[in-house]
Amino acid sequence: MNSEPVRGSRLGSVSNETIEGVTLSPRQTISYTCPNEHVSELIFAAEVEIPELWDCKKCGQSAKRDGAEIEPAAESEQKIVRTHFDLLLERRSRDELEVILQEALADLKERRRKNAS
């Protein structure tokens, strides 16, 4: 293969295509407000179903669509945060995890002993 770079273009270069004759689909701008009063404006196609809730871009909480009436039960639902340890407990028991931990610690001690000598 030739090792010379390609001439006349670069990564991230501007496209030479123009937008002449391009018809964009109809769009609508929808605003969402989170409990911390952050406002997010999103653009959707005109024919799609608009979601009532959207994750706030700044704080991650559920933002409500402006003008939307949401039942209190749906709004109060909290996302269940599962930690890495919770996921481990779904696959293994605490006894199995203790055995794996002890094996890993023994391996680490052995490697440190070899590196020290």
PDB file of N, CA and C in Angstrom:
ATOM      1  N   MET A   1       0.831  -1.192   0.000  1.00  0.00           N
ATOM      2  CA  MET A   1       0.000   0.000   0.000  1.00  0.00           C
ATOM      3  C   MET A   1       0.867   1.243   0.000  1.00  0.00           C
ATOM      4  N   ASN A   2       0.324   2.272  -0.526  1.00  0.00           N
ATOM      5  CA  ASN A   2       1.014   3.538  -0.574  1.00  0.00           C
ATOM      6  C   ASN A   2       0.960   4.194   0.803  1.00  0.00           C
ATOM      7  N   SER A   3       2.074   4.692   1.299  1.00  0.00           N
ATOM      8  CA  SER A   3       2.113   5.273   2.635  1.00  0.00           C
ATOM      9  C   SER A   3       1.859   6.773   2.637  1.00  0.00           C
ATOM     10  N   GLU A   4       1.643   7.380   1.478  1.00  0.00           N
ATOM     11  CA  GLU A   4       1.400   8.819   1.426  1.00  0.00           C
ATOM     12  C   GLU A   4      -0.048   9.111   1.791  1.00  0.00           C
ATOM     13  N   PRO A   5      -0.276  10.240   2.464  1.00  0.00           N
ATOM     14  CA  PRO A   5      -1.655  10.586   2.842  1.00  0.00           C
ATOM     15  C   PRO A   5      -2.490  10.967   1.625  1.00  0.00           C
ATOM     16  N   VAL A   6      -3.783  10.885   1.781  1.00  0.00           N
ATOM     17  CA  VAL A   6      -4.688  11.277   0.718  1.00  0.00           C
ATOM     18  C   VAL A   6      -4.662  12.792   0.620  1.00  0.00           C
ATOM     19  N   ARG A   7      -4.473  13.304  -0.560  1.00  0.00           N
ATOM     20  CA  ARG A   7      -4.371  14.747  -0.755  1.00  0.00           C
ATOM     21  C   ARG A   7      -5.742  15.347  -1.044  1.00  0.00           C
ATOM     22  N   GLY A   8      -5.933  16.582  -0.598  1.00  0.00           N
ATOM     23  CA  GLY A   8      -7.141  17.322  -0.951  1.00  0.00           C
ATOM     24  C   GLY A   8      -8.300  17.138   0.010  1.00  0.00           C
ATOM     25  N   SER A   9      -8.121  16.355   1.060  1.00  0.00           N
ATOM     26  CA  SER A   9      -9.204  16.231   2.036  1.00  0.00           C
ATOM     27  C   SER A   9      -8.586  16.045   3.411  1.00  0.00           C
ATOM     28  N   ARG A  10      -9.403  16.239   4.415  1.00  0.00           N
ATOM     29  CA  ARG A  10      -8.934  16.055   5.780  1.00  0.00           C
ATOM     30  C   ARG A  10     -10.082  15.499   6.602  1.00  0.00           C
ATOM     31  N   LEU A  11      -9.745  14.964   7.730  1.00  0.00           N
ATOM     32  CA  LEU A  11     -10.781  14.456   8.617  1.00  0.00           C
ATOM     33  C   LEU A  11     -11.614  15.617   9.129  1.00  0.00           C
ATOM     34  N   GLY A  12     -12.915  15.438   9.174  1.00  0.00           N
ATOM     35  CA  GLY A  12     -13.786  16.487   9.673  1.00  0.00           C
ATOM     36  C   GLY A  12     -13.985  17.624   8.705  1.00  0.00           C
ATOM     37  N   SER A  13     -13.666  17.410   7.434  1.00  0.00           N
ATOM     38  CA  SER A  13     -13.799  18.487   6.461  1.00  0.00           C
ATOM     39  C   SER A  13     -15.265  18.797   6.206  1.00  0.00           C
ATOM     40  N   VAL A  14     -15.504  19.961   5.675  1.00  0.00           N
ATOM     41  CA  VAL A  14     -16.849  20.424   5.388  1.00  0.00           C
ATOM     42  C   VAL A  14     -17.337  19.743   4.112  1.00  0.00           C
ATOM     43  N   SER A  15     -18.588  19.347   4.125  1.00  0.00           N
ATOM     44  CA  SER A  15     -19.171  18.710   2.958  1.00  0.00           C
ATOM     45  C   SER A  15     -19.345  19.728   1.834  1.00  0.00           C
ATOM     46  N   ASN A  16     -19.192  19.281   0.616  1.00  0.00           N
ATOM     47  CA  ASN A  16     -19.383  20.153  -0.533  1.00  0.00           C
ATOM     48  C   ASN A  16     -20.828  20.177  -1.006  1.00  0.00           C
ATOM     49  N   GLU A  17     -21.689  19.393  -0.364  1.00  0.00           N
ATOM     50  CA  GLU A  17     -23.086  19.371  -0.751  1.00  0.00           C
ATOM     51  C   GLU A  17     -23.792  20.610  -0.230  1.00  0.00           C
ATOM     52  N   THR A  18     -24.751  21.100  -0.996  1.00  0.00           N
ATOM     53  CA  THR A  18     -25.540  22.257  -0.571  1.00  0.00           C
ATOM     54  C   THR A  18     -26.929  21.781  -0.159  1.00  0.00           C
ATOM     55  N   ILE A  19     -27.677  22.654   0.494  1.00  0.00           N
ATOM     56  CA  ILE A  19     -29.026  22.287   0.917  1.00  0.00           C
ATOM     57  C   ILE A  19     -30.077  22.760  -0.084  1.00  0.00           C
ATOM     58  N   GLU A  20     -29.638  23.166  -1.253  1.00  0.00           N
ATOM     59  CA  GLU A  20     -30.582  23.589  -2.298  1.00  0.00           C
ATOM     60  C   GLU A  20     -31.437  22.408  -2.718  1.00  0.00           C
ATOM     61  N   GLY A  21     -32.721  22.634  -2.800  1.00  0.00           N
ATOM     62  CA  GLY A  21     -33.631  21.610  -3.253  1.00  0.00           C
ATOM     63  C   GLY A  21     -33.976  20.571  -2.209  1.00  0.00           C
ATOM     64  N   VAL A  22     -33.454  20.719  -1.000  1.00  0.00           N
ATOM     65  CA  VAL A  22     -33.748  19.766   0.060  1.00  0.00           C
ATOM     66  C   VAL A  22     -34.966  20.262   0.828  1.00  0.00           C
ATOM     67  N   THR A  23     -35.948  19.399   0.977  1.00  0.00           N
ATOM     68  CA  THR A  23     -37.141  19.754   1.739  1.00  0.00           C
ATOM     69  C   THR A  23     -37.086  19.016   3.067  1.00  0.00           C
ATOM     70  N   LEU A  24     -37.039  19.776   4.150  1.00  0.00           N
ATOM     71  CA  LEU A  24     -36.987  19.172   5.472  1.00  0.00           C
ATOM     72  C   LEU A  24     -38.385  18.747   5.901  1.00  0.00           C
ATOM     73  N   SER A  25     -38.463  17.684   6.662  1.00  0.00           N
ATOM     74  CA  SER A  25     -39.762  17.233   7.158  1.00  0.00           C
ATOM     75  C   SER A  25     -40.282  18.244   8.181  1.00  0.00           C
ATOM     76  N   PRO A  26     -41.606  18.308   8.339  1.00  0.00           N
ATOM     77  CA  PRO A  26     -42.164  19.243   9.314  1.00  0.00           C
ATOM     78  C   PRO A  26     -41.696  18.891  10.725  1.00  0.00           C
ATOM     79  N   ARG A  27     -41.377  19.915  11.504  1.00  0.00           N
ATOM     80  CA  ARG A  27     -40.838  19.711  12.840  1.00  0.00           C
ATOM     81  C   ARG A  27     -41.608  20.535  13.856  1.00  0.00           C
ATOM     82  N   GLN A  28     -41.422  20.149  15.122  1.00  0.00           N
ATOM     83  CA  GLN A  28     -42.012  20.917  16.209  1.00  0.00           C
ATOM     84  C   GLN A  28     -41.017  20.964  17.361  1.00  0.00           C
ATOM     85  N   THR A  29     -40.992  22.078  18.080  1.00  0.00           N
ATOM     86  CA  THR A  29     -40.113  22.237  19.230  1.00  0.00           C
ATOM     87  C   THR A  29     -40.944  22.072  20.489  1.00  0.00           C
ATOM     88  N   ILE A  30     -40.505  21.165  21.362  1.00  0.00           N
ATOM     89  CA  ILE A  30     -41.213  20.871  22.596  1.00  0.00           C
ATOM     90  C   ILE A  30     -40.302  21.222  23.768  1.00  0.00           C
ATOM     91  N   SER A  31     -40.862  21.875  24.784  1.00  0.00           N
ATOM     92  CA  SER A  31     -40.106  22.253  25.976  1.00  0.00           C
ATOM     93  C   SER A  31     -40.428  21.313  27.121  1.00  0.00           C
ATOM     94  N   TYR A  32     -39.397  20.953  27.871  1.00  0.00           N
ATOM     95  CA  TYR A  32     -39.516  20.123  29.064  1.00  0.00           C
ATOM     96  C   TYR A  32     -38.889  20.877  30.226  1.00  0.00           C
ATOM     97  N   THR A  33     -39.527  20.794  31.405  1.00  0.00           N
ATOM     98  CA  THR A  33     -39.008  21.444  32.596  1.00  0.00           C
ATOM     99  C   THR A  33     -38.883  20.415  33.716  1.00  0.00           C
ATOM    100  N   CYS A  34     -37.700  20.361  34.337  1.00  0.00           N
ATOM    101  CA  CYS A  34     -37.463  19.405  35.419  1.00  0.00           C
ATOM    102  C   CYS A  34     -37.804  20.052  36.758  1.00  0.00           C
ATOM    103  N   PRO A  35     -37.815  19.282  37.860  1.00  0.00           N
ATOM    104  CA  PRO A  35     -38.102  19.852  39.179  1.00  0.00           C
ATOM    105  C   PRO A  35     -37.121  20.949  39.603  1.00  0.00           C
ATOM    106  N   ASN A  36     -35.915  20.960  39.053  1.00  0.00           N
ATOM    107  CA  ASN A  36     -34.927  22.005  39.364  1.00  0.00           C
ATOM    108  C   ASN A  36     -35.055  23.214  38.448  1.00  0.00           C
ATOM    109  N   GLU A  37     -36.156  23.283  37.703  1.00  0.00           N
ATOM    110  CA  GLU A  37     -36.463  24.408  36.799  1.00  0.00           C
ATOM    111  C   GLU A  37     -35.502  24.522  35.620  1.00  0.00           C
ATOM    112  N   HIS A  38     -34.816  23.433  35.246  1.00  0.00           N
ATOM    113  CA  HIS A  38     -34.011  23.435  34.026  1.00  0.00           C
ATOM    114  C   HIS A  38     -34.969  23.236  32.850  1.00  0.00           C
ATOM    115  N   VAL A  39     -34.836  24.042  31.826  1.00  0.00           N
ATOM    116  CA  VAL A  39     -35.696  23.935  30.649  1.00  0.00           C
ATOM    117  C   VAL A  39     -34.889  23.345  29.501  1.00  0.00           C
ATOM    118  N   SER A  40     -35.439  22.300  28.886  1.00  0.00           N
ATOM    119  CA  SER A  40     -34.805  21.675  27.724  1.00  0.00           C
ATOM    120  C   SER A  40     -35.763  21.790  26.556  1.00  0.00           C
ATOM    121  N   GLU A  41     -35.283  22.294  25.439  1.00  0.00           N
ATOM    122  CA  GLU A  41     -36.093  22.378  24.228  1.00  0.00           C
ATOM    123  C   GLU A  41     -35.577  21.343  23.240  1.00  0.00           C
ATOM    124  N   LEU A  42     -36.480  20.483  22.796  1.00  0.00           N
ATOM    125  CA  LEU A  42     -36.121  19.413  21.875  1.00  0.00           C
ATOM    126  C   LEU A  42     -36.936  19.532  20.606  1.00  0.00           C
ATOM    127  N   ILE A  43     -36.337  19.126  19.502  1.00  0.00           N
ATOM    128  CA  ILE A  43     -37.016  19.177  18.210  1.00  0.00           C
ATOM    129  C   ILE A  43     -37.435  17.765  17.826  1.00  0.00           C
ATOM    130  N   PHE A  44     -38.724  17.607  17.528  1.00  0.00           N
ATOM    131  CA  PHE A  44     -39.286  16.329  17.109  1.00  0.00           C
ATOM    132  C   PHE A  44     -39.920  16.498  15.743  1.00  0.00           C
ATOM    133  N   ALA A  45     -40.012  15.400  15.016  1.00  0.00           N
ATOM    134  CA  ALA A  45     -40.768  15.410  13.764  1.00  0.00           C
ATOM    135  C   ALA A  45     -42.240  15.640  14.104  1.00  0.00           C
ATOM    136  N   ALA A  46     -42.980  16.256  13.188  1.00  0.00           N
ATOM    137  CA  ALA A  46     -44.371  16.618  13.451  1.00  0.00           C
ATOM    138  C   ALA A  46     -45.263  15.397  13.622  1.00  0.00           C
ATOM    139  N   GLU A  47     -44.927  14.277  12.998  1.00  0.00           N
ATOM    140  CA  GLU A  47     -45.836  13.129  13.014  1.00  0.00           C
ATOM    141  C   GLU A  47     -45.555  12.118  14.123  1.00  0.00           C
ATOM    142  N   VAL A  48     -44.555  12.337  14.973  1.00  0.00           N
ATOM    143  CA  VAL A  48     -44.242  11.365  16.012  1.00  0.00           C
ATOM    144  C   VAL A  48     -45.040  11.635  17.284  1.00  0.00           C
ATOM    145  N   GLU A  49     -45.176  10.580  18.111  1.00  0.00           N
ATOM    146  CA  GLU A  49     -45.838  10.736  19.403  1.00  0.00           C
ATOM    147  C   GLU A  49     -44.836  11.353  20.375  1.00  0.00           C
ATOM    148  N   ILE A  50     -45.219  12.421  21.031  1.00  0.00           N
ATOM    149  CA  ILE A  50     -44.325  13.154  21.922  1.00  0.00           C
ATOM    150  C   ILE A  50     -44.382  12.540  23.323  1.00  0.00           C
ATOM    151  N   PRO A  51     -43.236  12.168  23.909  1.00  0.00           N
ATOM    152  CA  PRO A  51     -43.246  11.608  25.261  1.00  0.00           C
ATOM    153  C   PRO A  51     -43.582  12.677  26.304  1.00  0.00           C
ATOM    154  N   GLU A  52     -44.249  12.247  27.368  1.00  0.00           N
ATOM    155  CA  GLU A  52     -44.630  13.174  28.444  1.00  0.00           C
ATOM    156  C   GLU A  52     -43.432  13.504  29.332  1.00  0.00           C
ATOM    157  N   LEU A  53     -42.517  12.544  29.505  1.00  0.00           N
ATOM    158  CA  LEU A  53     -41.336  12.741  30.342  1.00  0.00           C
ATOM    159  C   LEU A  53     -40.067  12.604  29.516  1.00  0.00           C
ATOM    160  N   TRP A  54     -39.033  13.355  29.920  1.00  0.00           N
ATOM    161  CA  TRP A  54     -37.734  13.300  29.258  1.00  0.00           C
ATOM    162  C   TRP A  54     -36.676  13.528  30.318  1.00  0.00           C
ATOM    163  N   ASP A  55     -35.548  12.853  30.236  1.00  0.00           N
ATOM    164  CA  ASP A  55     -34.481  13.061  31.209  1.00  0.00           C
ATOM    165  C   ASP A  55     -33.837  14.417  30.985  1.00  0.00           C
ATOM    166  N   CYS A  56     -33.693  15.178  32.080  1.00  0.00           N
ATOM    167  CA  CYS A  56     -33.086  16.501  32.010  1.00  0.00           C
ATOM    168  C   CYS A  56     -31.624  16.369  31.593  1.00  0.00           C
ATOM    169  N   LYS A  57     -31.186  17.245  30.698  1.00  0.00           N
ATOM    170  CA  LYS A  57     -29.813  17.196  30.206  1.00  0.00           C
ATOM    171  C   LYS A  57     -28.808  17.652  31.266  1.00  0.00           C
ATOM    172  N   LYS A  58     -29.250  18.486  32.221  1.00  0.00           N
ATOM    173  CA  LYS A  58     -28.325  19.038  33.204  1.00  0.00           C
ATOM    174  C   LYS A  58     -28.233  18.219  34.480  1.00  0.00           C
ATOM    175  N   CYS A  59     -29.387  17.765  35.015  1.00  0.00           N
ATOM    176  CA  CYS A  59     -29.350  17.080  36.308  1.00  0.00           C
ATOM    177  C   CYS A  59     -29.805  15.623  36.241  1.00  0.00           C
ATOM    178  N   GLY A  60     -30.381  15.172  35.121  1.00  0.00           N
ATOM    179  CA  GLY A  60     -30.754  13.781  34.955  1.00  0.00           C
ATOM    180  C   GLY A  60     -32.111  13.402  35.529  1.00  0.00           C
ATOM    181  N   GLN A  61     -32.793  14.339  36.188  1.00  0.00           N
ATOM    182  CA  GLN A  61     -34.112  14.032  36.720  1.00  0.00           C
ATOM    183  C   GLN A  61     -35.137  14.006  35.591  1.00  0.00           C
ATOM    184  N   SER A  62     -36.314  13.465  35.893  1.00  0.00           N
ATOM    185  CA  SER A  62     -37.371  13.403  34.881  1.00  0.00           C
ATOM    186  C   SER A  62     -37.991  14.775  34.697  1.00  0.00           C
ATOM    187  N   ALA A  63     -37.881  15.281  33.487  1.00  0.00           N
ATOM    188  CA  ALA A  63     -38.467  16.573  33.156  1.00  0.00           C
ATOM    189  C   ALA A  63     -39.839  16.342  32.525  1.00  0.00           C
ATOM    190  N   LYS A  64     -40.814  17.189  32.903  1.00  0.00           N
ATOM    191  CA  LYS A  64     -42.179  17.063  32.417  1.00  0.00           C
ATOM    192  C   LYS A  64     -42.371  17.992  31.230  1.00  0.00           C
ATOM    193  N   ARG A  65     -43.081  17.497  30.233  1.00  0.00           N
ATOM    194  CA  ARG A  65     -43.377  18.322  29.066  1.00  0.00           C
ATOM    195  C   ARG A  65     -44.228  19.501  29.501  1.00  0.00           C
ATOM    196  N   ASP A  66     -43.906  20.682  29.046  1.00  0.00           N
ATOM    197  CA  ASP A  66     -44.667  21.870  29.401  1.00  0.00           C
ATOM    198  C   ASP A  66     -46.101  21.730  28.917  1.00  0.00           C
ATOM    199  N   GLY A  67     -47.033  21.940  29.808  1.00  0.00           N
ATOM    200  CA  GLY A  67     -48.446  21.847  29.468  1.00  0.00           C
ATOM    201  C   GLY A  67     -49.008  20.445  29.565  1.00  0.00           C
ATOM    202  N   ALA A  68     -48.212  19.465  29.930  1.00  0.00           N
ATOM    203  CA  ALA A  68     -48.683  18.085  30.006  1.00  0.00           C
ATOM    204  C   ALA A  68     -49.251  17.816  31.393  1.00  0.00           C
ATOM    205  N   GLU A  69     -50.327  17.081  31.434  1.00  0.00           N
ATOM    206  CA  GLU A  69     -50.923  16.664  32.703  1.00  0.00           C
ATOM    207  C   GLU A  69     -50.523  15.217  32.943  1.00  0.00           C
ATOM    208  N   ILE A  70     -49.747  14.992  33.996  1.00  0.00           N
ATOM    209  CA  ILE A  70     -49.263  13.647  34.302  1.00  0.00           C
ATOM    210  C   ILE A  70     -49.868  13.215  35.628  1.00  0.00           C
ATOM    211  N   GLU A  71     -50.293  11.982  35.676  1.00  0.00           N
ATOM    212  CA  GLU A  71     -50.858  11.440  36.914  1.00  0.00           C
ATOM    213  C   GLU A  71     -49.790  11.457  37.997  1.00  0.00           C
ATOM    214  N   PRO A  72     -50.181  11.737  39.246  1.00  0.00           N
ATOM    215  CA  PRO A  72     -49.186  11.770  40.322  1.00  0.00           C
ATOM    216  C   PRO A  72     -48.436  10.458  40.504  1.00  0.00           C
ATOM    217  N   ALA A  73     -49.072   9.327  40.262  1.00  0.00           N
ATOM    218  CA  ALA A  73     -48.393   8.037  40.434  1.00  0.00           C
ATOM    219  C   ALA A  73     -47.250   7.888  39.431  1.00  0.00           C
ATOM    220  N   ALA A  74     -47.470   8.311  38.187  1.00  0.00           N
ATOM    221  CA  ALA A  74     -46.425   8.183  37.165  1.00  0.00           C
ATOM    222  C   ALA A  74     -45.277   9.139  37.438  1.00  0.00           C
ATOM    223  N   GLU A  75     -45.590  10.325  37.973  1.00  0.00           N
ATOM    224  CA  GLU A  75     -44.548  11.306  38.214  1.00  0.00           C
ATOM    225  C   GLU A  75     -43.692  10.937  39.420  1.00  0.00           C
ATOM    226  N   SER A  76     -44.286  10.261  40.405  1.00  0.00           N
ATOM    227  CA  SER A  76     -43.548   9.947  41.617  1.00  0.00           C
ATOM    228  C   SER A  76     -42.689   8.690  41.490  1.00  0.00           C
ATOM    229  N   GLU A  77     -42.820   7.969  40.394  1.00  0.00           N
ATOM    230  CA  GLU A  77     -42.001   6.773  40.219  1.00  0.00           C
ATOM    231  C   GLU A  77     -40.537   7.159  40.132  1.00  0.00           C
ATOM    232  N   GLN A  78     -39.723   6.504  40.945  1.00  0.00           N
ATOM    233  CA  GLN A  78     -38.293   6.766  40.943  1.00  0.00           C
ATOM    234  C   GLN A  78     -37.585   5.649  40.186  1.00  0.00           C
ATOM    235  N   LYS A  79     -36.550   6.016  39.491  1.00  0.00           N
ATOM    236  CA  LYS A  79     -35.744   4.998  38.828  1.00  0.00           C
ATOM    237  C   LYS A  79     -34.961   4.250  39.886  1.00  0.00           C
ATOM    238  N   ILE A  80     -34.953   2.941  39.779  1.00  0.00           N
ATOM    239  CA  ILE A  80     -34.208   2.128  40.731  1.00  0.00           C
ATOM    240  C   ILE A  80     -32.757   2.090  40.264  1.00  0.00           C
ATOM    241  N   VAL A  81     -31.876   2.590  41.120  1.00  0.00           N
ATOM    242  CA  VAL A  81     -30.459   2.617  40.784  1.00  0.00           C
ATOM    243  C   VAL A  81     -29.844   1.319  41.286  1.00  0.00           C
ATOM    244  N   ARG A  82     -29.296   0.557  40.354  1.00  0.00           N
ATOM    245  CA  ARG A  82     -28.650  -0.700  40.717  1.00  0.00           C
ATOM    246  C   ARG A  82     -27.149  -0.509  40.603  1.00  0.00           C
ATOM    247  N   THR A  83     -26.484  -0.780  41.710  1.00  0.00           N
ATOM    248  CA  THR A  83     -25.036  -0.638  41.732  1.00  0.00           C
ATOM    249  C   THR A  83     -24.373  -1.872  41.130  1.00  0.00           C
ATOM    250  N   HIS A  84     -23.081  -1.774  40.936  1.00  0.00           N
ATOM    251  CA  HIS A  84     -22.317  -2.900  40.421  1.00  0.00           C
ATOM    252  C   HIS A  84     -22.433  -4.092  41.371  1.00  0.00           C
ATOM    253  N   PHE A  85     -22.432  -3.804  42.672  1.00  0.00           N
ATOM    254  CA  PHE A  85     -22.535  -4.865  43.669  1.00  0.00           C
ATOM    255  C   PHE A  85     -23.908  -5.549  43.591  1.00  0.00           C
ATOM    256  N   ASP A  86     -24.975  -4.785  43.354  1.00  0.00           N
ATOM    257  CA  ASP A  86     -26.308  -5.380  43.197  1.00  0.00           C
ATOM    258  C   ASP A  86     -26.342  -6.342  42.019  1.00  0.00           C
ATOM    259  N   LEU A  87     -25.692  -5.948  40.933  1.00  0.00           N
ATOM    260  CA  LEU A  87     -25.650  -6.811  39.753  1.00  0.00           C
ATOM    261  C   LEU A  87     -24.855  -8.090  40.039  1.00  0.00           C
ATOM    262  N   LEU A  88     -23.779  -7.957  40.813  1.00  0.00           N
ATOM    263  CA  LEU A  88     -23.005  -9.143  41.199  1.00  0.00           C
ATOM    264  C   LEU A  88     -23.843 -10.096  42.027  1.00  0.00           C
ATOM    265  N   LEU A  89     -24.626  -9.548  42.960  1.00  0.00           N
ATOM    266  CA  LEU A  89     -25.448 -10.386  43.829  1.00  0.00           C
ATOM    267  C   LEU A  89     -26.552 -11.112  43.068  1.00  0.00           C
ATOM    268  N   GLU A  90     -26.920 -10.604  41.898  1.00  0.00           N
ATOM    269  CA  GLU A  90     -27.901 -11.303  41.073  1.00  0.00           C
ATOM    270  C   GLU A  90     -27.309 -12.567  40.456  1.00  0.00           C
ATOM    271  N   ARG A  91     -25.988 -12.560  40.242  1.00  0.00           N
ATOM    272  CA  ARG A  91     -25.339 -13.700  39.581  1.00  0.00           C
ATOM    273  C   ARG A  91     -24.683 -14.670  40.547  1.00  0.00           C
ATOM    274  N   ARG A  92     -24.236 -14.175  41.719  1.00  0.00           N
ATOM    275  CA  ARG A  92     -23.487 -15.010  42.645  1.00  0.00           C
ATOM    276  C   ARG A  92     -23.956 -14.759  44.075  1.00  0.00           C
ATOM    277  N   SER A  93     -23.745 -15.756  44.928  1.00  0.00           N
ATOM    278  CA  SER A  93     -24.080 -15.597  46.346  1.00  0.00           C
ATOM    279  C   SER A  93     -22.923 -14.878  47.040  1.00  0.00           C
ATOM    280  N   ARG A  94     -23.174 -14.423  48.263  1.00  0.00           N
ATOM    281  CA  ARG A  94     -22.119 -13.749  49.023  1.00  0.00           C
ATOM    282  C   ARG A  94     -20.962 -14.710  49.332  1.00  0.00           C
ATOM    283  N   ASP A  95     -21.280 -15.971  49.572  1.00  0.00           N
ATOM    284  CA  ASP A  95     -20.219 -16.957  49.839  1.00  0.00           C
ATOM    285  C   ASP A  95     -19.310 -17.117  48.621  1.00  0.00           C
ATOM    286  N   GLU A  96     -19.903 -17.200  47.425  1.00  0.00           N
ATOM    287  CA  GLU A  96     -19.094 -17.315  46.193  1.00  0.00           C
ATOM    288  C   GLU A  96     -18.234 -16.074  46.007  1.00  0.00           C
ATOM    289  N   LEU A  97     -18.808 -14.901  46.280  1.00  0.00           N
ATOM    290  CA  LEU A  97     -18.044 -13.662  46.133  1.00  0.00           C
ATOM    291  C   LEU A  97     -16.896 -13.594  47.131  1.00  0.00           C
ATOM    292  N   GLU A  98     -17.103 -14.099  48.337  1.00  0.00           N
ATOM    293  CA  GLU A  98     -16.035 -14.114  49.345  1.00  0.00           C
ATOM    294  C   GLU A  98     -14.878 -15.007  48.893  1.00  0.00           C
ATOM    295  N   VAL A  99     -15.187 -16.171  48.307  1.00  0.00           N
ATOM    296  CA  VAL A  99     -14.146 -17.077  47.807  1.00  0.00           C
ATOM    297  C   VAL A  99     -13.357 -16.402  46.680  1.00  0.00           C
ATOM    298  N   ILE A 100     -14.071 -15.751  45.757  1.00  0.00           N
ATOM    299  CA  ILE A 100     -13.397 -15.055  44.646  1.00  0.00           C
ATOM    300  C   ILE A 100     -12.512 -13.940  45.175  1.00  0.00           C
ATOM    301  N   LEU A 101     -12.992 -13.198  46.184  1.00  0.00           N
ATOM    302  CA  LEU A 101     -12.193 -12.127  46.780  1.00  0.00           C
ATOM    303  C   LEU A 101     -10.923 -12.671  47.405  1.00  0.00           C
ATOM    304  N   GLN A 102     -11.039 -13.747  48.137  1.00  0.00           N
ATOM    305  CA  GLN A 102      -9.859 -14.327  48.791  1.00  0.00           C
ATOM    306  C   GLN A 102      -8.844 -14.810  47.756  1.00  0.00           C
ATOM    307  N   GLU A 103      -9.323 -15.422  46.665  1.00  0.00           N
ATOM    308  CA  GLU A 103      -8.423 -15.862  45.588  1.00  0.00           C
ATOM    309  C   GLU A 103      -7.712 -14.677  44.950  1.00  0.00           C
ATOM    310  N   ALA A 104      -8.450 -13.587  44.715  1.00  0.00           N
ATOM    311  CA  ALA A 104      -7.856 -12.405  44.092  1.00  0.00           C
ATOM    312  C   ALA A 104      -6.826 -11.767  45.015  1.00  0.00           C
ATOM    313  N   LEU A 105      -7.117 -11.720  46.317  1.00  0.00           N
ATOM    314  CA  LEU A 105      -6.159 -11.154  47.263  1.00  0.00           C
ATOM    315  C   LEU A 105      -4.897 -12.007  47.362  1.00  0.00           C
ATOM    316  N   ALA A 106      -5.066 -13.322  47.350  1.00  0.00           N
ATOM    317  CA  ALA A 106      -3.903 -14.213  47.393  1.00  0.00           C
ATOM    318  C   ALA A 106      -3.043 -14.029  46.142  1.00  0.00           C
ATOM    319  N   ASP A 107      -3.694 -13.894  44.988  1.00  0.00           N
ATOM    320  CA  ASP A 107      -2.966 -13.676  43.732  1.00  0.00           C
ATOM    321  C   ASP A 107      -2.209 -12.353  43.771  1.00  0.00           C
ATOM    322  N   LEU A 108      -2.840 -11.315  44.291  1.00  0.00           N
ATOM    323  CA  LEU A 108      -2.210 -10.004  44.388  1.00  0.00           C
ATOM    324  C   LEU A 108      -1.003 -10.039  45.320  1.00  0.00           C
ATOM    325  N   LYS A 109      -1.147 -10.704  46.457  1.00  0.00           N
ATOM    326  CA  LYS A 109      -0.031 -10.827  47.399  1.00  0.00           C
ATOM    327  C   LYS A 109       1.138 -11.583  46.773  1.00  0.00           C
ATOM    328  N   GLU A 110       0.839 -12.635  46.016  1.00  0.00           N
ATOM    329  CA  GLU A 110       1.876 -13.427  45.356  1.00  0.00           C
ATOM    330  C   GLU A 110       2.628 -12.585  44.323  1.00  0.00           C
ATOM    331  N   ARG A 111       1.877 -11.793  43.536  1.00  0.00           N
ATOM    332  CA  ARG A 111       2.534 -10.935  42.528  1.00  0.00           C
ATOM    333  C   ARG A 111       3.402  -9.881  43.179  1.00  0.00           C
ATOM    334  N   ARG A 112       2.927  -9.306  44.287  1.00  0.00           N
ATOM    335  CA  ARG A 112       3.726  -8.306  44.978  1.00  0.00           C
ATOM    336  C   ARG A 112       4.993  -8.912  45.577  1.00  0.00           C
ATOM    337  N   ARG A 113       4.869 -10.146  46.090  1.00  0.00           N
ATOM    338  CA  ARG A 113       6.028 -10.834  46.655  1.00  0.00           C
ATOM    339  C   ARG A 113       7.072 -11.084  45.570  1.00  0.00           C
ATOM    340  N   LYS A 114       6.618 -11.488  44.356  1.00  0.00           N
ATOM    341  CA  LYS A 114       7.565 -11.741  43.259  1.00  0.00           C
ATOM    342  C   LYS A 114       8.228 -10.460  42.797  1.00  0.00           C
ATOM    343  N   ASN A 115       7.472  -9.360  42.748  1.00  0.00           N
ATOM    344  CA  ASN A 115       8.044  -8.086  42.297  1.00  0.00           C
ATOM    345  C   ASN A 115       9.015  -7.508  43.317  1.00  0.00           C
ATOM    346  N   ALA A 116       8.814  -7.806  44.587  1.00  0.00           N
ATOM    347  CA  ALA A 116       9.682  -7.262  45.650  1.00  0.00           C
ATOM    348  C   ALA A 116      11.052  -7.951  45.671  1.00  0.00           C
ATOM    349  N   SER A 117      11.094  -9.181  45.198  1.00  0.00           N
ATOM    350  CA  SER A 117      12.375  -9.906  45.246  1.00  0.00           C
ATOM    351  C   SER A 117      13.166  -9.800  43.987  1.00  0.00           C
TER     352      SER A 117
END
